[in-house]
Amino acid sequence: MIATDLGELFFSFLKLLFIIAGSLYLVFSVVVIRQINTMQKSLVTTFSNKLKALGFLHLILAILVLLFFVVSL
């Protein structure tokens, strides 16, 4: 019975670590978006719009990963 409690405690701790990691990854994604916006103010190229779209796609995927960690684990 103690092993089951230790197993549940371990998996709860692991879930918490995944949620923290997902949150940090989401913060990183927001920083990338801010850097792209700052770059576009100083340097305008034909690739700027594509890079901004990729940045927002990255942000959406980071949000989905965090939601996956919260819901499924």
Protein backbone atom coordinates (compact mmCIF):
# COMPACT_ATOMS: atom_id res chain seq x y z
CA MET A 1 0.00 0.00 0.00
CA ILE A 2 2.89 2.35 0.63
CA ALA A 3 4.29 1.69 -2.86
CA THR A 4 0.99 2.80 -4.40
CA ASP A 5 1.05 6.01 -2.40
CA LEU A 6 4.65 6.61 -3.40
CA GLY A 7 3.76 5.95 -7.04
CA GLU A 8 0.90 8.44 -6.92
CA LEU A 9 3.14 10.98 -5.23
CA PHE A 10 5.82 10.47 -7.87
CA PHE A 11 3.39 10.89 -10.76
CA SER A 12 1.86 13.98 -9.16
CA PHE A 13 5.33 15.46 -8.81
CA LEU A 14 6.09 14.53 -12.43
CA LYS A 15 2.86 16.17 -13.60
CA LEU A 16 3.79 19.32 -11.71
CA LEU A 17 7.22 19.35 -13.38
CA PHE A 18 5.65 18.97 -16.83
CA ILE A 19 3.22 21.83 -16.16
CA ILE A 20 6.06 24.06 -14.96
CA ALA A 21 8.13 23.18 -18.03
CA GLY A 22 5.17 23.86 -20.31
CA SER A 23 4.60 27.21 -18.63
CA LEU A 24 8.24 28.19 -19.10
CA TYR A 25 8.02 27.14 -22.74
CA LEU A 26 4.95 29.34 -23.15
CA VAL A 27 6.85 32.30 -21.67
CA PHE A 28 9.71 31.58 -24.09
CA SER A 29 7.23 31.59 -26.97
CA VAL A 30 5.87 34.98 -25.92
CA VAL A 31 9.44 36.34 -25.76
CA VAL A 32 10.03 35.08 -29.31
CA ILE A 33 6.92 36.96 -30.49
CA ARG A 34 8.16 40.14 -28.82
CA GLN A 35 11.59 39.75 -30.44
CA ILE A 36 10.01 39.28 -33.85
CA ASN A 37 7.94 42.45 -33.38
CA THR A 38 11.02 44.39 -32.28
CA MET A 39 12.96 43.09 -35.26
CA GLN A 40 10.19 44.11 -37.66
CA LYS A 41 10.29 47.69 -36.35
CA SER A 42 13.99 48.00 -37.16
CA LEU A 43 14.37 45.75 -40.20
CA VAL A 44 11.68 45.21 -42.81
CA THR A 45 12.16 42.38 -45.30
CA THR A 46 9.96 40.25 -47.49
CA PHE A 47 10.39 37.36 -45.03
CA SER A 48 9.05 39.39 -42.06
CA ASN A 49 5.42 38.40 -42.47
CA LYS A 50 6.30 34.72 -42.83
CA LEU A 51 8.48 34.88 -39.75
CA LYS A 52 5.69 36.56 -37.78
CA ALA A 53 3.26 33.83 -38.87
CA LEU A 54 5.73 31.15 -37.78
CA GLY A 55 6.10 32.91 -34.43
CA PHE A 56 2.36 32.90 -33.85
CA LEU A 57 2.16 29.26 -34.91
CA HIS A 58 4.85 28.51 -32.34
CA LEU A 59 2.84 30.38 -29.69
CA ILE A 60 -0.33 28.44 -30.52
CA LEU A 61 1.55 25.14 -30.33
CA ALA A 62 3.05 26.12 -26.97
CA ILE A 63 -0.44 26.87 -25.63
CA LEU A 64 -1.72 23.52 -26.92
CA VAL A 65 1.20 21.67 -25.33
CA LEU A 66 0.51 23.34 -21.98
CA LEU A 67 -3.19 22.48 -22.23
CA PHE A 68 -2.27 18.89 -23.07
CA PHE A 69 -0.08 18.67 -19.97
CA VAL A 70 -2.81 20.11 -17.74
CA VAL A 71 -5.67 18.03 -19.12
CA SER A 72 -4.16 14.65 -19.86
CA LEU A 73 -1.64 14.13 -17.10
